[in-house]
PDB file of all heavy atoms in Angstrom:
ATOM      1  N   ILE A   1      89.264   6.424  64.180  1.00  0.00           N
ATOM      2  CA  ILE A   1      88.692   5.316  63.338  1.00  0.00           C
ATOM      3  C   ILE A   1      87.315   5.016  63.838  1.00  0.00           C
ATOM      4  O   ILE A   1      86.390   4.791  63.093  1.00  0.00           O
ATOM      5  CB  ILE A   1      89.610   4.063  63.334  1.00  0.00           C
ATOM      6  CG1 ILE A   1      90.908   4.346  62.538  1.00  0.00           C
ATOM      7  CG2 ILE A   1      88.897   2.920  62.750  1.00  0.00           C
ATOM      8  CD1 ILE A   1      91.912   3.312  62.693  1.00  0.00           C
ATOM      9  N   ASN A   2      87.144   4.916  65.157  1.00  0.00           N
ATOM     10  CA  ASN A   2      85.790   4.603  65.685  1.00  0.00           C
ATOM     11  C   ASN A   2      84.842   5.670  65.378  1.00  0.00           C
ATOM     12  O   ASN A   2      83.614   5.405  65.193  1.00  0.00           O
ATOM     13  CB  ASN A   2      85.942   4.369  67.204  1.00  0.00           C
ATOM     14  CG  ASN A   2      84.675   3.722  67.685  1.00  0.00           C
ATOM     15  OD1 ASN A   2      83.813   4.471  68.131  1.00  0.00           O
ATOM     16  ND2 ASN A   2      84.537   2.417  67.585  1.00  0.00           N
ATOM     17  N   ILE A   3      85.181   6.913  65.517  1.00  0.00           N
ATOM     18  CA  ILE A   3      84.301   7.970  65.191  1.00  0.00           C
ATOM     19  C   ILE A   3      83.925   7.869  63.673  1.00  0.00           C
ATOM     20  O   ILE A   3      82.634   7.963  63.368  1.00  0.00           O
ATOM     21  CB  ILE A   3      84.999   9.405  65.305  1.00  0.00           C
ATOM     22  CG1 ILE A   3      85.352   9.651  66.775  1.00  0.00           C
ATOM     23  CG2 ILE A   3      84.189  10.526  64.685  1.00  0.00           C
ATOM     24  CD1 ILE A   3      84.132  10.267  67.576  1.00  0.00           C
ATOM     25  N   LEU A   4      84.741   7.634  62.782  1.00  0.00           N
ATOM     26  CA  LEU A   4      84.410   7.389  61.322  1.00  0.00           C
ATOM     27  C   LEU A   4      83.482   6.183  61.243  1.00  0.00           C
ATOM     28  O   LEU A   4      82.455   6.290  60.542  1.00  0.00           O
ATOM     29  CB  LEU A   4      85.721   7.217  60.556  1.00  0.00           C
ATOM     30  CG  LEU A   4      85.453   6.919  59.037  1.00  0.00           C
ATOM     31  CD1 LEU A   4      84.755   8.229  58.458  1.00  0.00           C
ATOM     32  CD2 LEU A   4      86.711   6.625  58.399  1.00  0.00           C
ATOM     33  N   LEU A   5      83.831   5.187  61.898  1.00  0.00           N
ATOM     34  CA  LEU A   5      82.904   3.967  61.741  1.00  0.00           C
ATOM     35  C   LEU A   5      81.507   4.173  62.287  1.00  0.00           C
ATOM     36  O   LEU A   5      80.554   3.729  61.794  1.00  0.00           O
ATOM     37  CB  LEU A   5      83.619   2.614  62.456  1.00  0.00           C
ATOM     38  CG  LEU A   5      84.795   2.096  61.653  1.00  0.00           C
ATOM     39  CD1 LEU A   5      85.479   1.099  62.660  1.00  0.00           C
ATOM     40  CD2 LEU A   5      84.327   1.491  60.419  1.00  0.00           C
ATOM     41  N   THR A   6      81.501   4.865  63.502  1.00  0.00           N
ATOM     42  CA  THR A   6      80.211   5.174  64.003  1.00  0.00           C
ATOM     43  C   THR A   6      79.303   6.095  63.191  1.00  0.00           C
ATOM     44  O   THR A   6      78.181   5.962  63.069  1.00  0.00           O
ATOM     45  CB  THR A   6      80.410   5.742  65.428  1.00  0.00           C
ATOM     46  OG1 THR A   6      81.203   4.891  66.241  1.00  0.00           O
ATOM     47  CG2 THR A   6      79.106   6.003  66.123  1.00  0.00           C
ATOM     48  N   LEU A   7      80.001   7.110  62.541  1.00  0.00           N
ATOM     49  CA  LEU A   7      79.316   7.876  61.563  1.00  0.00           C
ATOM     50  C   LEU A   7      78.778   7.200  60.379  1.00  0.00           C
ATOM     51  O   LEU A   7      77.773   7.419  59.756  1.00  0.00           O
ATOM     52  CB  LEU A   7      80.159   9.163  61.111  1.00  0.00           C
ATOM     53  CG  LEU A   7      80.458  10.035  62.234  1.00  0.00           C
ATOM     54  CD1 LEU A   7      81.429  11.150  61.722  1.00  0.00           C
ATOM     55  CD2 LEU A   7      79.226  10.820  62.670  1.00  0.00           C
ATOM     56  N   LEU A   8      79.488   6.130  59.983  1.00  0.00           N
ATOM     57  CA  LEU A   8      79.007   5.359  58.783  1.00  0.00           C
ATOM     58  C   LEU A   8      78.050   4.391  59.182  1.00  0.00           C
ATOM     59  O   LEU A   8      77.187   3.904  58.301  1.00  0.00           O
ATOM     60  CB  LEU A   8      80.255   4.567  58.256  1.00  0.00           C
ATOM     61  CG  LEU A   8      81.332   5.440  57.633  1.00  0.00           C
ATOM     62  CD1 LEU A   8      82.463   4.663  57.058  1.00  0.00           C
ATOM     63  CD2 LEU A   8      80.675   6.241  56.437  1.00  0.00           C
ATOM     64  N   GLY A   9      77.880   4.030  60.356  1.00  0.00           N
ATOM     65  CA  GLY A   9      76.886   3.065  60.926  1.00  0.00           C
ATOM     66  C   GLY A   9      77.207   2.712  62.392  1.00  0.00           C
ATOM     67  O   GLY A   9      78.283   2.580  62.720  1.00  0.00           O
ATOM     68  N   TYR A  10      76.193   2.603  63.151  1.00  0.00           N
ATOM     69  CA  TYR A  10      76.203   2.382  64.613  1.00  0.00           C
ATOM     70  C   TYR A  10      76.934   0.989  64.818  1.00  0.00           C
ATOM     71  O   TYR A  10      77.839   0.835  65.703  1.00  0.00           O
ATOM     72  CB  TYR A  10      74.877   2.399  65.256  1.00  0.00           C
ATOM     73  CG  TYR A  10      74.914   2.027  66.639  1.00  0.00           C
ATOM     74  CD1 TYR A  10      75.405   2.897  67.651  1.00  0.00           C
ATOM     75  CD2 TYR A  10      74.412   0.697  67.107  1.00  0.00           C
ATOM     76  CE1 TYR A  10      75.403   2.490  68.949  1.00  0.00           C
ATOM     77  CE2 TYR A  10      74.493   0.350  68.421  1.00  0.00           C
ATOM     78  CZ  TYR A  10      74.915   1.269  69.321  1.00  0.00           C
ATOM     79  OH  TYR A  10      74.970   0.787  70.640  1.00  0.00           O
ATOM     80  N   ILE A  11      76.552  -0.001  64.003  1.00  0.00           N
ATOM     81  CA  ILE A  11      77.079  -1.398  64.291  1.00  0.00           C
ATOM     82  C   ILE A  11      78.497  -1.494  64.061  1.00  0.00           C
ATOM     83  O   ILE A  11      79.240  -2.180  64.898  1.00  0.00           O
ATOM     84  CB  ILE A  11      76.275  -2.412  63.457  1.00  0.00           C
ATOM     85  CG1 ILE A  11      74.753  -2.412  63.806  1.00  0.00           C
ATOM     86  CG2 ILE A  11      76.843  -3.775  63.646  1.00  0.00           C
ATOM     87  CD1 ILE A  11      74.485  -2.783  65.236  1.00  0.00           C
ATOM     88  N   PRO A  12      79.107  -1.049  62.931  1.00  0.00           N
ATOM     89  CA  PRO A  12      80.506  -1.106  62.662  1.00  0.00           C
ATOM     90  C   PRO A  12      81.285  -0.338  63.875  1.00  0.00           C
ATOM     91  O   PRO A  12      82.276  -0.902  64.263  1.00  0.00           O
ATOM     92  CB  PRO A  12      80.811  -0.414  61.369  1.00  0.00           C
ATOM     93  CG  PRO A  12      79.481  -0.519  60.739  1.00  0.00           C
ATOM     94  CD  PRO A  12      78.384  -0.411  61.674  1.00  0.00           C
ATOM     95  N   GLY A  13      80.836   0.812  64.279  1.00  0.00           N
ATOM     96  CA  GLY A  13      81.473   1.431  65.432  1.00  0.00           C
ATOM     97  C   GLY A  13      81.363   0.758  66.739  1.00  0.00           C
ATOM     98  O   GLY A  13      82.381   0.702  67.509  1.00  0.00           O
ATOM     99  N   LEU A  14      80.285  -0.103  67.000  1.00  0.00           N
ATOM    100  CA  LEU A  14      80.067  -0.822  68.164  1.00  0.00           C
ATOM    101  C   LEU A  14      81.023  -2.017  68.199  1.00  0.00           C
ATOM    102  O   LEU A  14      81.689  -2.348  69.159  1.00  0.00           O
ATOM    103  CB  LEU A  14      78.638  -1.243  68.331  1.00  0.00           C
ATOM    104  CG  LEU A  14      78.268  -2.115  69.494  1.00  0.00           C
ATOM    105  CD1 LEU A  14      78.540  -1.406  70.767  1.00  0.00           C
ATOM    106  CD2 LEU A  14      76.935  -2.615  69.375  1.00  0.00           C
ATOM    107  N   ILE A  15      81.021  -2.735  66.964  1.00  0.00           N
ATOM    108  CA  ILE A  15      81.995  -3.835  66.859  1.00  0.00           C
ATOM    109  C   ILE A  15      83.455  -3.439  67.101  1.00  0.00           C
ATOM    110  O   ILE A  15      84.227  -4.053  67.916  1.00  0.00           O
ATOM    111  CB  ILE A  15      81.752  -4.582  65.533  1.00  0.00           C
ATOM    112  CG1 ILE A  15      80.405  -5.220  65.418  1.00  0.00           C
ATOM    113  CG2 ILE A  15      82.839  -5.545  65.316  1.00  0.00           C
ATOM    114  CD1 ILE A  15      80.001  -5.708  64.035  1.00  0.00           C
ATOM    115  N   HIS A  16      83.820  -2.329  66.486  1.00  0.00           N
ATOM    116  CA  HIS A  16      85.163  -1.846  66.668  1.00  0.00           C
ATOM    117  C   HIS A  16      85.469  -1.472  68.177  1.00  0.00           C
ATOM    118  O   HIS A  16      86.532  -1.787  68.629  1.00  0.00           O
ATOM    119  CB  HIS A  16      85.474  -0.649  65.748  1.00  0.00           C
ATOM    120  CG  HIS A  16      86.819  -0.105  65.860  1.00  0.00           C
ATOM    121  ND1 HIS A  16      87.132   1.014  66.481  1.00  0.00           N
ATOM    122  CD2 HIS A  16      88.018  -0.543  65.340  1.00  0.00           C
ATOM    123  CE1 HIS A  16      88.374   1.297  66.460  1.00  0.00           C
ATOM    124  NE2 HIS A  16      88.912   0.315  65.755  1.00  0.00           N
ATOM    125  N   ALA A  17      84.582  -0.827  68.728  1.00  0.00           N
ATOM    126  CA  ALA A  17      84.715  -0.442  70.188  1.00  0.00           C
ATOM    127  C   ALA A  17      84.964  -1.678  71.091  1.00  0.00           C
ATOM    128  O   ALA A  17      85.802  -1.668  71.926  1.00  0.00           O
ATOM    129  CB  ALA A  17      83.554   0.419  70.636  1.00  0.00           C
ATOM    130  N   ILE A  18      84.095  -2.633  70.800  1.00  0.00           N
ATOM    131  CA  ILE A  18      84.210  -3.810  71.698  1.00  0.00           C
ATOM    132  C   ILE A  18      85.478  -4.632  71.389  1.00  0.00           C
ATOM    133  O   ILE A  18      86.107  -5.078  72.348  1.00  0.00           O
ATOM    134  CB  ILE A  18      83.007  -4.787  71.576  1.00  0.00           C
ATOM    135  CG1 ILE A  18      81.722  -3.962  72.160  1.00  0.00           C
ATOM    136  CG2 ILE A  18      83.072  -6.065  72.257  1.00  0.00           C
ATOM    137  CD1 ILE A  18      80.469  -4.545  72.231  1.00  0.00           C
ATOM    138  N   TRP A  19      85.938  -4.589  70.183  1.00  0.00           N
ATOM    139  CA  TRP A  19      87.083  -5.338  69.835  1.00  0.00           C
ATOM    140  C   TRP A  19      88.283  -4.546  70.551  1.00  0.00           C
ATOM    141  O   TRP A  19      89.202  -5.130  71.063  1.00  0.00           O
ATOM    142  CB  TRP A  19      87.329  -5.274  68.325  1.00  0.00           C
ATOM    143  CG  TRP A  19      88.634  -5.789  67.937  1.00  0.00           C
ATOM    144  CD1 TRP A  19      89.037  -7.142  67.932  1.00  0.00           C
ATOM    145  CD2 TRP A  19      89.705  -5.174  67.417  1.00  0.00           C
ATOM    146  NE1 TRP A  19      90.279  -7.313  67.520  1.00  0.00           N
ATOM    147  CE2 TRP A  19      90.793  -6.131  67.114  1.00  0.00           C
ATOM    148  CE3 TRP A  19      89.918  -3.802  67.035  1.00  0.00           C
ATOM    149  CZ2 TRP A  19      91.995  -5.726  66.575  1.00  0.00           C
ATOM    150  CZ3 TRP A  19      91.172  -3.433  66.449  1.00  0.00           C
ATOM    151  CH2 TRP A  19      92.191  -4.432  66.248  1.00  0.00           C
ATOM    152  N   ILE A  20      88.361  -3.276  70.519  1.00  0.00           N
ATOM    153  CA  ILE A  20      89.396  -2.360  71.095  1.00  0.00           C
ATOM    154  C   ILE A  20      89.389  -2.698  72.649  1.00  0.00           C
ATOM    155  O   ILE A  20      90.564  -2.859  73.225  1.00  0.00           O
ATOM    156  CB  ILE A  20      89.284  -0.965  70.826  1.00  0.00           C
ATOM    157  CG1 ILE A  20      89.574  -0.734  69.373  1.00  0.00           C
ATOM    158  CG2 ILE A  20      90.148  -0.096  71.656  1.00  0.00           C
ATOM    159  CD1 ILE A  20      90.875  -0.948  68.800  1.00  0.00           C
ATOM    160  N   ILE A  21      88.262  -2.725  73.280  1.00  0.00           N
ATOM    161  CA  ILE A  21      88.191  -2.835  74.727  1.00  0.00           C
ATOM    162  C   ILE A  21      88.652  -4.248  75.213  1.00  0.00           C
ATOM    163  O   ILE A  21      89.313  -4.415  76.169  1.00  0.00           O
ATOM    164  CB  ILE A  21      86.820  -2.533  75.146  1.00  0.00           C
ATOM    165  CG1 ILE A  21      86.595  -1.003  74.996  1.00  0.00           C
ATOM    166  CG2 ILE A  21      86.542  -2.896  76.621  1.00  0.00           C
ATOM    167  CD1 ILE A  21      85.077  -0.576  75.163  1.00  0.00           C
ATOM    168  N   THR A  22      88.182  -5.246  74.350  1.00  0.00           N
ATOM    169  CA  THR A  22      88.481  -6.594  74.916  1.00  0.00           C
ATOM    170  C   THR A  22      89.853  -7.207  74.523  1.00  0.00           C
ATOM    171  O   THR A  22      90.268  -8.144  75.167  1.00  0.00           O
ATOM    172  CB  THR A  22      87.412  -7.561  74.263  1.00  0.00           C
ATOM    173  OG1 THR A  22      87.397  -7.525  72.902  1.00  0.00           O
ATOM    174  CG2 THR A  22      86.075  -7.206  74.785  1.00  0.00           C
ATOM    175  N   ARG A  23      90.565  -6.599  73.567  1.00  0.00           N
ATOM    176  CA  ARG A  23      91.858  -7.068  73.293  1.00  0.00           C
ATOM    177  C   ARG A  23      92.798  -6.718  74.448  1.00  0.00           C
ATOM    178  O   ARG A  23      92.680  -5.666  75.071  1.00  0.00           O
ATOM    179  CB  ARG A  23      92.409  -6.648  72.001  1.00  0.00           C
ATOM    180  CG  ARG A  23      92.722  -5.157  71.905  1.00  0.00           C
ATOM    181  CD  ARG A  23      93.180  -4.836  70.555  1.00  0.00           C
ATOM    182  NE  ARG A  23      93.669  -3.362  70.726  1.00  0.00           N
ATOM    183  CZ  ARG A  23      94.523  -2.773  69.992  1.00  0.00           C
ATOM    184  NH1 ARG A  23      95.185  -3.411  69.033  1.00  0.00           N
ATOM    185  NH2 ARG A  23      94.851  -1.556  70.181  1.00  0.00           N
ATOM    186  N   LYS A  24      93.772  -7.487  74.797  1.00  0.00           N
ATOM    187  CA  LYS A  24      94.542  -7.297  76.025  1.00  0.00           C
ATOM    188  C   LYS A  24      95.906  -6.562  75.706  1.00  0.00           C
ATOM    189  O   LYS A  24      96.654  -6.489  76.662  1.00  0.00           O
ATOM    190  CB  LYS A  24      94.832  -8.777  76.551  1.00  0.00           C
ATOM    191  CG  LYS A  24      93.595  -9.355  77.067  1.00  0.00           C
ATOM    192  CD  LYS A  24      92.967  -8.507  78.208  1.00  0.00           C
ATOM    193  CE  LYS A  24      91.634  -9.106  78.743  1.00  0.00           C
ATOM    194  NZ  LYS A  24      90.946  -8.325  79.656  1.00  0.00           N
ATOM    195  N   THR A  25      96.290  -6.234  74.539  1.00  0.00           N
ATOM    196  CA  THR A  25      97.616  -5.541  74.285  1.00  0.00           C
ATOM    197  C   THR A  25      97.371  -4.045  74.592  1.00  0.00           C
ATOM    198  O   THR A  25      96.605  -3.382  73.852  1.00  0.00           O
ATOM    199  CB  THR A  25      98.078  -5.790  72.869  1.00  0.00           C
ATOM    200  OG1 THR A  25      97.042  -5.269  71.985  1.00  0.00           O
ATOM    201  CG2 THR A  25      98.335  -7.267  72.685  1.00  0.00           C
ATOM    202  N   ASN A  26      98.022  -3.589  75.527  1.00  0.00           N
ATOM    203  CA  ASN A  26      97.955  -2.105  75.856  1.00  0.00           C
ATOM    204  C   ASN A  26      99.314  -1.511  75.837  1.00  0.00           C
ATOM    205  O   ASN A  26     100.304  -2.037  76.088  1.00  0.00           O
ATOM    206  CB  ASN A  26      97.468  -1.863  77.276  1.00  0.00           C
ATOM    207  CG  ASN A  26      95.910  -2.043  77.345  1.00  0.00           C
ATOM    208  OD1 ASN A  26      95.237  -2.031  76.363  1.00  0.00           O
ATOM    209  ND2 ASN A  26      95.435  -2.450  78.596  1.00  0.00           N
TER     210      ASN A  26
END
């Protein structure tokens, strides 16, 4: 999903990446 969002635009990919990294459920 992040690959797709980054290809569509850098900012959506960046927001998604930071959201994935900062959420605490693993």
